[in-house]
Amino acid sequence: MIKFMKKHLNLLGHRVFLVPFIMIVQIVIIFLMAVEFYSYFIVFYIICSIFSLLMVLHIVNSRANPSYKIAWIIPIMILPLFGLLLYFLFGGNQLTRRQKAKMKNIYYKQLKYKDSHNIVMSELRYENISAYNQVKYIQDYSLTNVCKHTKTTYLSNGRNYYNKIIEAIKSAKKYIFLEYFIIGEGKMWNTILEILKQKVLDGVEVRVIYDDFGCIMTLPNHYDKTLEQLGIKTAVFNRFVPNLKSKFNNRDHRKIAIIDGHIAFTGGINLADEYIGEKVRFGHWKDNGIMLEGEAVWNFTVMFLSMWDFIKEENEDYEKYRSTLEYETSSDGYVIPYSDSPWDSEAIGETVYLNLIGKANKYIYITTPYLVIDNEMITALTTAAKRGVDVRIITPGIPDKKLVSEVTKAYYNQLLESGIKIYEYSKGFIHAKTFAVDDEYATIGTVNLDYRSLYLHFECGVWLYACSTILRVKKDFTSTLKECREIKLKNLGKLTWFNTLKRQILKAFAPLM
């Protein structure tokens, strides 16, 4: 009984409770101030209404997604004061003048390494103008370069990813860069950490970036200081602090590992035990990743160092970390990594997906843990199915978030009616984020099919054309289908009026989830 009480008292003292509590106190103080003005109700109400109208005009004229705008306009108009407070707390995406200056400097720094006129682009334009157009968009807006001399290895599950990343980290001679949304103490991270500690002693430079909110329940508070004491340089993205001005919605959702500038990893896999099957959560955890070896790794190196510069306010010499190896990798298609930022008004992750859907002629195979999509994505997917493309989507059979799962199911009818086939992974939770198209294209990365990934998070991925890896992605998808149940329109059943209303409300506010 005493142990039980101590456990729960410790939990209540955790910052996941303390930070919201302090913020609630701030909101209550504002509320009490508002009550003081209640005697001037008419004047107060008019002032709040004017501010609400101005904010609605600002939202309507912003570049945000229309669904996202509507989801905020409703609470602002119904509850002017608290709607505004919530928007300032969670909805605003404006940078301070200082942050804008930092981002501008980093942008021009990245721009120096973008080569739009390289020989690979010329070859691609001659080979396939459709693929060239997709790559041109990625190069221009993600500031990365398409490459050929790059070996890609598809990693179909967490265990394969774990084995490969351990092998790569052990081989490091110069540096190891790790950037992850979640790092969790346990077998996976503890094993990696022991290797990193030895590598530091061997003179290898080790850097780690982790998202503070992503690790709030998986790492001790101020874990960065622990790593720094071990000689591991550490940066924490967007600390979770009790400040109403904080941008809580913007998280670093990327998963990147770079070893010596010539090996890189990305995909859906974080550095925690559920991703490798050592910890059971939501049934069997199905995930994937990709390993790059060769020229394309430089793109990830620049991504990582750019994020490091932003968090630590440093000005790194990126050239120090460029690999000097001569790559002899035979040509196996075209590879271009990409990143997406919520602070540049360009939804790169979504546009990459939309471009792939628009170019499909035979099939589109998609795996995603969440299916909370806007009108543009719905239109693209349903139009593809209506023109005869075989569109198939795998979602989790056991969800990690019940409300989000309800929203996902709310889209089933419309998608199924257009001819899209939907499957739920019977064994558990599927966390992979992949598109495979026509045996020609694929993308593997961190971008979920939900508003949070598409508009609010820092994300990354790898776009592939004419690579043998694409067929491995397809093969993994078709193998996974055998462990899924197909959702049929006739089997969905008629919802009660309460469940129908619940899903309608959830869909309306889906952009805020």
Protein backbone atom coordinates (compact mmCIF):
# COMPACT_ATOMS: atom_id res chain seq x y z
CA MET A 1 0.00 0.00 0.00
CA ILE A 2 2.85 2.36 0.92
CA LYS A 3 4.67 1.54 -2.34
CA PHE A 4 1.45 2.17 -4.28
CA MET A 5 1.01 5.58 -2.64
CA LYS A 6 4.65 6.54 -3.19
CA LYS A 7 4.42 5.58 -6.86
CA HIS A 8 1.35 7.74 -7.42
CA LEU A 9 2.73 10.65 -5.39
CA ASN A 10 5.89 10.56 -7.52
CA LEU A 11 3.74 10.51 -10.63
CA LEU A 12 1.78 13.56 -9.46
CA GLY A 13 5.10 15.32 -8.95
CA HIS A 14 6.16 14.56 -12.51
CA ARG A 15 6.37 17.56 -14.84
CA VAL A 16 3.76 15.99 -17.14
CA PHE A 17 1.33 17.01 -14.39
CA LEU A 18 3.18 19.98 -12.91
CA VAL A 19 3.57 21.91 -16.17
CA PRO A 20 -0.14 21.71 -17.13
CA PHE A 21 -1.05 22.53 -13.51
CA ILE A 22 1.04 25.71 -13.56
CA MET A 23 -0.46 26.63 -16.91
CA ILE A 24 -3.98 26.06 -15.57
CA VAL A 25 -3.13 28.38 -12.68
CA GLN A 26 -2.15 31.04 -15.22
CA ILE A 27 -5.43 30.54 -17.08
CA VAL A 28 -7.41 30.72 -13.81
CA ILE A 29 -5.71 34.02 -12.96
CA ILE A 30 -6.73 35.39 -16.36
CA PHE A 31 -10.26 34.09 -15.73
CA LEU A 32 -10.43 35.80 -12.33
CA MET A 33 -9.26 39.02 -13.94
CA ALA A 34 -12.06 38.62 -16.46
CA VAL A 35 -14.57 38.12 -13.62
CA GLU A 36 -13.43 41.42 -12.14
CA PHE A 37 -14.49 43.07 -15.35
CA TYR A 38 -17.86 41.33 -15.29
CA SER A 39 -19.55 44.42 -13.89
CA TYR A 40 -18.60 46.05 -17.17
CA PHE A 41 -20.04 43.08 -19.03
CA ILE A 42 -21.27 44.88 -22.12
CA VAL A 43 -17.98 46.71 -22.66
CA PHE A 44 -15.98 43.55 -21.89
CA TYR A 45 -18.12 41.44 -24.22
CA ILE A 46 -17.76 43.95 -27.06
CA ILE A 47 -13.97 44.08 -26.61
CA CYS A 48 -13.73 40.24 -26.61
CA SER A 49 -15.99 40.04 -29.67
CA ILE A 50 -13.85 42.57 -31.56
CA PHE A 51 -10.68 40.65 -30.72
CA SER A 52 -12.38 37.39 -31.74
CA LEU A 53 -13.47 38.87 -35.06
CA LEU A 54 -9.97 40.17 -35.75
CA MET A 55 -8.50 36.75 -34.91
CA VAL A 56 -11.03 34.99 -37.15
CA LEU A 57 -10.09 37.35 -40.01
CA HIS A 58 -6.42 36.58 -39.34
CA ILE A 59 -7.07 32.82 -39.38
CA VAL A 60 -9.23 33.00 -42.55
CA ASN A 61 -6.50 34.92 -44.39
CA SER A 62 -3.66 32.73 -43.15
CA ARG A 63 -2.09 29.98 -45.25
CA ALA A 64 -3.27 27.26 -42.89
CA ASN A 65 -5.31 24.31 -44.13
CA PRO A 66 -9.07 25.18 -44.39
CA SER A 67 -10.04 22.33 -42.03
CA TYR A 68 -7.54 23.59 -39.47
CA LYS A 69 -9.01 27.10 -39.78
CA ILE A 70 -12.58 25.88 -39.22
CA ALA A 71 -11.56 23.83 -36.19
CA TRP A 72 -10.24 27.02 -34.52
CA ILE A 73 -12.92 29.44 -35.72
CA ILE A 74 -15.68 27.43 -33.98
CA PRO A 75 -14.33 27.72 -30.37
CA ILE A 76 -13.17 31.32 -30.90
CA MET A 77 -16.64 32.42 -32.01
CA ILE A 78 -18.53 30.41 -29.36
CA LEU A 79 -16.22 31.26 -26.44
CA PRO A 80 -14.40 34.45 -27.42
CA LEU A 81 -12.11 34.81 -24.41
CA PHE A 82 -11.16 31.17 -23.86
CA GLY A 83 -11.18 30.40 -27.58
CA LEU A 84 -8.55 33.10 -28.02
CA LEU A 85 -6.53 31.79 -25.08
CA LEU A 86 -6.55 28.27 -26.50
CA TYR A 87 -5.56 29.52 -29.92
CA PHE A 88 -2.63 31.53 -28.57
CA LEU A 89 -1.57 28.49 -26.55
CA PHE A 90 -1.97 25.73 -29.14
CA GLY A 91 -3.00 27.20 -32.48
CA GLY A 92 -0.65 30.04 -33.24
CA ASN A 93 2.35 29.10 -35.35
CA GLN A 94 4.02 32.51 -35.53
CA LEU A 95 7.72 32.80 -34.78
CA THR A 96 9.25 35.60 -32.79
CA ARG A 97 11.42 38.08 -34.66
CA ARG A 98 14.51 36.42 -33.17
CA GLN A 99 13.38 32.96 -34.26
CA LYS A 100 12.63 34.23 -37.76
CA ALA A 101 16.16 35.62 -37.99
CA LYS A 102 17.60 32.29 -36.87
CA MET A 103 15.50 30.36 -39.40
CA LYS A 104 16.49 32.78 -42.17
CA ASN A 105 20.19 32.30 -41.45
CA ILE A 106 19.81 28.53 -41.42
CA TYR A 107 17.80 28.65 -44.68
CA TYR A 108 20.57 30.48 -46.54
CA LYS A 109 23.13 28.16 -45.05
CA GLN A 110 21.25 25.12 -46.35
CA LEU A 111 20.69 26.82 -49.70
CA LYS A 112 24.46 26.83 -50.29
CA TYR A 113 24.44 23.03 -50.43
CA LYS A 114 21.51 22.69 -52.84
CA ASP A 115 22.61 21.89 -56.40
CA SER A 116 19.64 22.14 -58.78
CA HIS A 117 21.76 21.72 -61.89
CA ASN A 118 23.71 18.60 -61.02
CA ILE A 119 24.21 15.90 -63.59
CA VAL A 120 21.84 13.49 -61.82
CA MET A 121 18.94 15.92 -62.35
CA SER A 122 19.79 16.13 -66.04
CA GLU A 123 19.83 12.33 -66.31
CA LEU A 124 16.51 12.05 -64.49
CA ARG A 125 14.87 14.65 -66.72
CA TYR A 126 15.92 12.70 -69.78
CA GLU A 127 14.78 9.37 -68.26
CA ASN A 128 11.41 10.34 -66.73
CA ILE A 129 10.01 13.89 -66.77
CA SER A 130 7.32 12.94 -64.23
CA ALA A 131 9.91 11.76 -61.70
CA TYR A 132 12.02 14.83 -62.49
CA ASN A 133 9.13 17.17 -61.65
CA GLN A 134 8.60 15.48 -58.28
CA VAL A 135 12.29 15.75 -57.45
CA LYS A 136 12.44 19.39 -58.55
CA TYR A 137 9.73 20.23 -56.02
CA ILE A 138 11.59 18.42 -53.22
CA GLN A 139 14.92 20.05 -54.11
CA ASP A 140 13.46 23.55 -54.29
CA TYR A 141 11.48 23.42 -51.05
CA SER A 142 13.38 20.92 -48.89
CA LEU A 143 16.80 22.15 -50.06
CA THR A 144 18.13 18.62 -50.59
CA ASN A 145 19.78 16.95 -53.59
CA VAL A 146 18.82 13.88 -55.59
CA CYS A 147 21.55 11.24 -55.70
CA LYS A 148 22.35 8.01 -57.53
CA HIS A 149 25.42 6.55 -55.87
CA THR A 150 23.50 5.45 -52.80
CA LYS A 151 22.72 1.96 -51.57
CA THR A 152 19.33 1.64 -49.86
CA THR A 153 18.39 -1.18 -47.51
CA TYR A 154 14.75 -1.63 -46.52
CA LEU A 155 14.31 -2.66 -42.87
CA SER A 156 10.92 -4.32 -42.53
CA ASN A 157 10.76 -4.43 -38.72
CA GLY A 158 12.24 -2.96 -35.57
CA ARG A 159 14.54 -5.89 -34.88
CA ASN A 160 16.26 -5.57 -38.28
CA TYR A 161 16.58 -1.82 -37.76
CA TYR A 162 18.06 -2.35 -34.29
CA ASN A 163 20.65 -4.86 -35.50
CA LYS A 164 21.73 -2.62 -38.38
CA ILE A 165 21.99 0.55 -36.32
CA ILE A 166 24.02 -1.24 -33.63
CA GLU A 167 26.39 -2.54 -36.30
CA ALA A 168 26.71 0.92 -37.86
CA ILE A 169 27.32 2.72 -34.54
CA LYS A 170 30.02 0.22 -33.62
CA SER A 171 31.79 0.98 -36.91
CA ALA A 172 31.89 4.77 -36.29
CA LYS A 173 35.32 6.41 -36.56
CA LYS A 174 34.53 10.15 -36.64
CA TYR A 175 31.03 11.00 -35.48
CA ILE A 176 27.57 9.72 -34.57
CA PHE A 177 24.50 11.97 -34.84
CA LEU A 178 21.14 10.81 -33.41
CA GLU A 179 17.88 12.77 -33.64
CA TYR A 180 14.72 11.09 -32.31
CA PHE A 181 11.23 12.05 -31.19
CA ILE A 182 11.28 9.35 -28.48
CA ILE A 183 14.19 7.87 -26.59
CA GLY A 184 13.18 5.47 -23.84
CA GLU A 185 15.30 3.81 -21.18
CA GLY A 186 15.35 0.06 -21.73
CA LYS A 187 17.21 -2.63 -23.67
CA MET A 188 17.37 -0.76 -27.00
CA TRP A 189 18.55 2.60 -25.73
CA ASN A 190 20.71 1.23 -22.92
CA THR A 191 22.60 -0.99 -25.38
CA ILE A 192 23.12 1.94 -27.74
CA LEU A 193 24.17 4.20 -24.87
CA GLU A 194 26.87 1.78 -23.72
CA ILE A 195 28.35 1.81 -27.23
CA LEU A 196 28.14 5.61 -27.39
CA LYS A 197 30.00 5.92 -24.08
CA GLN A 198 32.81 3.77 -25.41
CA LYS A 199 32.89 5.69 -28.67
CA VAL A 200 33.29 8.96 -26.76
CA LEU A 201 36.30 7.45 -24.98
CA ASP A 202 37.67 6.44 -28.40
CA GLY A 203 37.50 10.06 -29.57
CA VAL A 204 34.35 9.80 -31.68
CA GLU A 205 32.11 12.89 -31.60
CA VAL A 206 28.61 11.94 -30.42
CA ARG A 207 25.59 14.23 -30.57
CA VAL A 208 21.98 13.55 -29.59
CA ILE A 209 18.82 15.58 -30.25
CA TYR A 210 15.55 14.51 -28.63
CA ASP A 211 12.12 16.06 -28.39
CA ASP A 212 11.28 17.09 -24.83
CA PHE A 213 7.56 16.31 -25.05
CA GLY A 214 8.18 13.03 -26.91
CA CYS A 215 10.45 11.88 -24.07
CA ILE A 216 8.50 13.37 -21.18
CA MET A 217 7.42 9.94 -19.86
CA THR A 218 10.39 7.92 -21.12
CA LEU A 219 13.41 9.87 -19.84
CA PRO A 220 14.15 11.60 -16.52
CA ASN A 221 13.88 15.37 -16.41
CA HIS A 222 17.11 17.14 -17.47
CA TYR A 223 18.41 13.92 -19.04
CA ASP A 224 20.50 16.09 -21.36
CA LYS A 225 22.74 16.93 -18.38
CA THR A 226 23.28 13.22 -17.75
CA LEU A 227 24.36 12.69 -21.35
CA GLU A 228 26.59 15.79 -21.32
CA GLN A 229 28.42 14.40 -18.27
CA LEU A 230 29.15 11.29 -20.33
CA GLY A 231 30.72 13.43 -23.06
CA ILE A 232 27.70 13.20 -25.37
CA LYS A 233 26.69 16.59 -26.78
CA THR A 234 22.93 16.96 -26.34
CA ALA A 235 20.21 19.31 -27.58
CA VAL A 236 16.58 19.23 -26.40
CA PHE A 237 13.94 20.44 -28.84
CA ASN A 238 11.16 22.74 -27.60
CA ARG A 239 11.31 22.17 -23.85
CA PHE A 240 7.94 21.51 -22.20
CA VAL A 241 7.74 24.50 -19.87
CA PRO A 242 4.78 26.20 -18.10
CA ASN A 243 4.67 29.20 -20.42
CA LEU A 244 1.51 30.23 -22.25
CA LYS A 245 3.68 31.52 -25.10
CA SER A 246 5.22 28.09 -25.75
CA LYS A 247 4.59 26.39 -29.10
CA PHE A 248 3.48 23.04 -27.72
CA ASN A 249 2.08 21.81 -31.02
CA ASN A 250 5.39 22.04 -32.88
CA ARG A 251 7.46 18.93 -32.13
CA ASP A 252 10.56 17.35 -33.64
CA HIS A 253 9.00 14.09 -34.88
CA ARG A 254 12.03 13.14 -37.02
CA LYS A 255 14.01 9.92 -36.57
CA ILE A 256 17.53 10.25 -37.94
CA ALA A 257 20.81 8.46 -37.29
CA ILE A 258 24.01 9.41 -39.15
CA ILE A 259 27.33 7.63 -38.86
CA ASP A 260 30.50 9.26 -40.27
CA GLY A 261 28.51 10.96 -43.02
CA HIS A 262 28.17 7.84 -45.16
CA ILE A 263 25.50 5.79 -43.33
CA ALA A 264 22.06 7.12 -42.36
CA PHE A 265 18.82 5.71 -40.98
CA THR A 266 15.25 7.00 -40.90
CA GLY A 267 11.71 5.61 -40.74
CA GLY A 268 9.07 5.17 -38.07
CA ILE A 269 11.29 3.56 -35.44
CA ASN A 270 12.22 5.45 -32.27
CA LEU A 271 14.84 4.32 -29.75
CA ALA A 272 12.51 2.56 -27.31
CA ASP A 273 11.74 -1.08 -26.50
CA GLU A 274 8.25 -1.37 -28.01
CA TYR A 275 9.77 -0.72 -31.44
CA ILE A 276 11.88 -3.88 -31.26
CA GLY A 277 9.34 -6.12 -29.53
CA GLU A 278 11.00 -6.03 -26.11
CA LYS A 279 7.96 -4.32 -24.63
CA VAL A 280 4.41 -5.22 -25.63
CA ARG A 281 2.10 -2.27 -26.24
CA PHE A 282 -1.07 -2.51 -28.35
CA GLY A 283 -0.30 -6.05 -29.50
CA HIS A 284 2.46 -6.68 -32.03
CA TRP A 285 4.21 -3.45 -33.06
CA LYS A 286 4.75 -3.38 -36.83
CA ASP A 287 7.18 -0.74 -38.07
CA ASN A 288 9.86 -0.16 -40.67
CA GLY A 289 12.87 1.93 -41.63
CA ILE A 290 15.49 2.45 -44.30
CA MET A 291 19.29 2.56 -44.26
CA LEU A 292 21.21 4.71 -46.74
CA GLU A 293 24.87 4.30 -47.65
CA GLY A 294 26.47 6.79 -50.00
CA GLU A 295 26.01 10.29 -51.39
CA ALA A 296 22.43 10.87 -50.22
CA VAL A 297 23.51 10.68 -46.56
CA TRP A 298 24.93 14.21 -46.84
CA ASN A 299 21.35 15.53 -47.03
CA PHE A 300 20.59 14.05 -43.60
CA THR A 301 23.84 15.46 -42.20
CA VAL A 302 22.79 18.97 -43.24
CA MET A 303 19.28 18.39 -41.80
CA PHE A 304 20.70 17.35 -38.44
CA LEU A 305 23.22 20.18 -38.20
CA SER A 306 20.56 22.73 -39.18
CA MET A 307 18.35 21.56 -36.31
CA TRP A 308 21.36 21.62 -33.99
CA ASP A 309 22.15 25.21 -35.03
CA PHE A 310 18.57 26.26 -34.35
CA ILE A 311 18.30 24.69 -30.89
CA LYS A 312 21.79 25.51 -29.62
CA GLU A 313 22.11 28.84 -31.47
CA GLU A 314 25.45 27.81 -32.90
CA ASN A 315 26.96 28.28 -36.33
CA GLU A 316 28.46 24.94 -37.35
CA ASP A 317 30.87 24.47 -40.23
CA TYR A 318 28.89 21.77 -42.07
CA GLU A 319 31.77 20.97 -44.42
CA LYS A 320 33.70 19.43 -41.51
CA TYR A 321 31.17 16.61 -41.50
CA ARG A 322 31.01 15.86 -45.22
CA SER A 323 32.24 12.35 -45.98
CA THR A 324 35.40 12.17 -48.09
CA LEU A 325 34.74 8.62 -49.26
CA GLU A 326 34.61 7.92 -52.98
CA TYR A 327 31.36 6.07 -53.52
CA GLU A 328 31.58 3.15 -55.92
CA THR A 329 27.95 2.09 -55.41
CA SER A 330 26.46 0.96 -58.70
CA SER A 331 23.43 2.90 -59.88
CA ASP A 332 20.26 1.56 -58.28
CA GLY A 333 17.78 4.29 -59.01
CA TYR A 334 17.35 7.79 -57.63
CA VAL A 335 17.25 8.74 -53.95
CA ILE A 336 16.35 12.08 -52.37
CA PRO A 337 15.84 12.61 -48.63
CA TYR A 338 13.51 15.45 -47.61
CA SER A 339 12.53 17.32 -44.48
CA ASP A 340 9.42 19.28 -43.55
CA SER A 341 9.10 22.25 -41.19
CA PRO A 342 5.86 23.67 -39.73
CA TRP A 343 7.37 27.15 -39.81
CA ASP A 344 7.77 27.72 -43.55
CA SER A 345 4.11 27.57 -44.77
CA GLU A 346 5.02 24.74 -47.15
CA ALA A 347 3.51 21.30 -46.44
CA ILE A 348 6.30 19.30 -48.06
CA GLY A 349 5.35 15.95 -46.54
CA GLU A 350 1.76 16.17 -47.77
CA THR A 351 2.80 17.43 -51.22
CA VAL A 352 5.22 14.52 -51.64
CA TYR A 353 2.29 12.18 -50.91
CA LEU A 354 -0.10 14.07 -53.20
CA ASN A 355 2.41 14.03 -56.06
CA LEU A 356 2.84 10.26 -55.71
CA ILE A 357 -0.93 9.72 -55.68
CA GLY A 358 -1.36 11.92 -58.74
CA LYS A 359 1.29 10.00 -60.73
CA ALA A 360 -0.10 6.53 -59.94
CA ASN A 361 -1.47 4.45 -62.81
CA LYS A 362 -1.59 0.92 -61.36
CA TYR A 363 -1.52 0.87 -57.57
CA ILE A 364 -0.93 2.89 -54.40
CA TYR A 365 -0.10 0.89 -51.25
CA ILE A 366 -0.11 2.90 -48.00
CA THR A 367 0.65 2.04 -44.39
CA THR A 368 -0.15 4.60 -41.71
CA PRO A 369 -0.88 4.51 -37.96
CA TYR A 370 -3.42 7.33 -38.30
CA LEU A 371 -5.84 8.30 -41.06
CA VAL A 372 -6.98 11.82 -40.20
CA ILE A 373 -6.87 13.58 -43.55
CA ASP A 374 -7.93 16.85 -45.13
CA ASN A 375 -10.11 17.40 -48.19
CA GLU A 376 -7.11 17.58 -50.54
CA MET A 377 -5.89 14.14 -49.49
CA ILE A 378 -9.39 12.63 -49.59
CA THR A 379 -9.97 14.03 -53.08
CA ALA A 380 -6.61 12.77 -54.36
CA LEU A 381 -7.10 9.24 -52.97
CA THR A 382 -10.75 8.86 -54.04
CA THR A 383 -10.06 10.29 -57.51
CA ALA A 384 -7.20 7.83 -57.98
CA ALA A 385 -9.48 4.92 -57.02
CA LYS A 386 -12.25 6.19 -59.32
CA ARG A 387 -9.88 6.29 -62.30
CA GLY A 388 -9.01 2.62 -61.74
CA VAL A 389 -5.91 2.75 -59.53
CA ASP A 390 -5.73 -0.04 -56.92
CA VAL A 391 -5.59 2.01 -53.69
CA ARG A 392 -5.01 0.04 -50.49
CA ILE A 393 -4.45 1.39 -46.99
CA ILE A 394 -3.37 -0.51 -43.87
CA THR A 395 -4.26 0.99 -40.48
CA PRO A 396 -3.86 -0.43 -36.94
CA GLY A 397 -6.12 -3.19 -35.64
CA ILE A 398 -5.26 -2.19 -32.07
CA PRO A 399 -4.96 1.62 -31.83
CA ASP A 400 -2.70 3.54 -29.47
CA LYS A 401 -5.14 6.48 -29.24
CA LYS A 402 -8.84 5.58 -29.09
CA LEU A 403 -10.17 9.02 -30.05
CA VAL A 404 -7.88 9.20 -33.09
CA SER A 405 -8.97 5.68 -34.04
CA GLU A 406 -12.60 6.87 -33.92
CA VAL A 407 -11.73 9.69 -36.30
CA THR A 408 -9.89 7.27 -38.59
CA LYS A 409 -12.99 5.07 -38.78
CA ALA A 410 -15.11 8.13 -39.54
CA TYR A 411 -13.36 8.35 -42.93
CA TYR A 412 -13.93 4.70 -43.87
CA ASN A 413 -17.34 5.12 -45.52
CA GLN A 414 -16.30 7.84 -47.93
CA LEU A 415 -13.07 6.07 -48.88
CA LEU A 416 -14.68 2.64 -49.30
CA GLU A 417 -17.50 4.06 -51.42
CA SER A 418 -14.94 5.36 -53.93
CA GLY A 419 -13.35 1.90 -54.30
CA ILE A 420 -10.43 2.24 -51.90
CA LYS A 421 -9.60 -0.94 -49.98
CA ILE A 422 -8.93 -0.56 -46.25
CA TYR A 423 -7.32 -3.17 -44.01
CA GLU A 424 -6.71 -3.25 -40.27
CA TYR A 425 -3.58 -4.97 -38.95
CA SER A 426 -5.06 -7.81 -36.90
CA LYS A 427 -1.95 -8.54 -34.82
CA GLY A 428 -1.76 -5.09 -33.26
CA PHE A 429 -0.43 -1.61 -33.99
CA ILE A 430 1.14 -0.62 -37.32
CA HIS A 431 3.40 2.41 -36.97
CA ALA A 432 5.04 2.33 -40.43
CA LYS A 433 4.58 5.33 -42.75
CA THR A 434 5.12 4.19 -46.34
CA PHE A 435 3.82 4.74 -49.86
CA ALA A 436 4.59 2.34 -52.72
CA VAL A 437 3.41 3.28 -56.22
CA ASP A 438 3.46 1.30 -59.51
CA ASP A 439 6.77 -0.51 -58.78
CA GLU A 440 8.39 2.85 -59.66
CA TYR A 441 8.12 5.09 -56.62
CA ALA A 442 8.17 4.80 -52.85
CA THR A 443 8.66 6.95 -49.79
CA ILE A 444 9.61 5.84 -46.29
CA GLY A 445 9.81 8.22 -43.38
CA THR A 446 8.21 9.75 -40.31
CA VAL A 447 5.18 11.51 -41.85
CA ASN A 448 1.84 10.16 -40.59
CA LEU A 449 -1.39 10.77 -42.46
CA ASP A 450 -2.72 13.21 -39.88
CA TYR A 451 -2.78 16.97 -39.38
CA ARG A 452 -0.12 16.87 -36.70
CA SER A 453 2.49 15.32 -38.99
CA LEU A 454 1.40 17.11 -42.15
CA TYR A 455 1.22 20.62 -40.66
CA LEU A 456 2.59 20.89 -37.12
CA HIS A 457 5.69 18.71 -36.77
CA PHE A 458 9.23 18.65 -38.08
CA GLU A 459 9.34 15.51 -40.24
CA CYS A 460 11.59 13.72 -42.71
CA GLY A 461 11.59 10.93 -45.25
CA VAL A 462 13.27 9.37 -48.27
CA TRP A 463 11.75 9.50 -51.79
CA LEU A 464 12.80 6.70 -54.14
CA TYR A 465 12.51 6.17 -57.88
CA ALA A 466 13.53 3.06 -59.87
CA CYS A 467 15.24 1.46 -56.84
CA SER A 468 15.12 -2.27 -56.07
CA THR A 469 14.08 -1.26 -52.52
CA ILE A 470 10.66 -0.22 -53.87
CA LEU A 471 9.82 -3.84 -54.66
CA ARG A 472 10.83 -4.83 -51.12
CA VAL A 473 8.45 -2.21 -49.72
CA LYS A 474 5.71 -3.65 -51.93
CA LYS A 475 6.53 -7.21 -50.88
CA ASP A 476 6.39 -6.27 -47.19
CA PHE A 477 3.02 -4.61 -47.77
CA THR A 478 1.52 -7.65 -49.50
CA SER A 479 2.93 -9.93 -46.78
CA THR A 480 1.41 -7.72 -44.09
CA LEU A 481 -1.98 -7.92 -45.84
CA LYS A 482 -2.11 -11.61 -44.88
CA GLU A 483 -2.13 -10.50 -41.23
CA CYS A 484 -4.94 -7.97 -41.77
CA ARG A 485 -8.72 -8.02 -41.89
CA GLU A 486 -10.32 -6.20 -44.78
CA ILE A 487 -12.94 -3.60 -43.90
CA LYS A 488 -16.04 -4.04 -46.03
CA LEU A 489 -18.63 -1.33 -46.54
CA LYS A 490 -21.49 -3.76 -45.92
CA ASN A 491 -19.95 -4.82 -42.59
CA LEU A 492 -19.52 -1.36 -41.11
CA GLY A 493 -23.05 -1.43 -39.73
CA LYS A 494 -25.31 1.44 -38.90
CA LEU A 495 -24.13 3.71 -36.10
CA THR A 496 -26.40 4.89 -33.32
CA TRP A 497 -27.29 8.58 -33.41
CA PHE A 498 -24.94 9.16 -30.46
CA ASN A 499 -21.92 7.54 -32.18
CA THR A 500 -22.73 9.35 -35.42
CA LEU A 501 -22.80 12.68 -33.57
CA LYS A 502 -19.59 11.80 -31.72
CA ARG A 503 -17.73 11.05 -34.96
CA GLN A 504 -19.05 14.21 -36.60
CA ILE A 505 -17.77 16.30 -33.70
CA LEU A 506 -14.43 14.47 -33.67
CA LYS A 507 -14.00 15.01 -37.43
CA ALA A 508 -14.73 18.72 -37.04
CA PHE A 509 -11.98 19.04 -34.41
CA ALA A 510 -9.66 16.40 -35.91
CA PRO A 511 -7.09 19.05 -36.99
CA LEU A 512 -6.56 19.91 -33.32
CA MET A 513 -5.87 16.33 -32.14
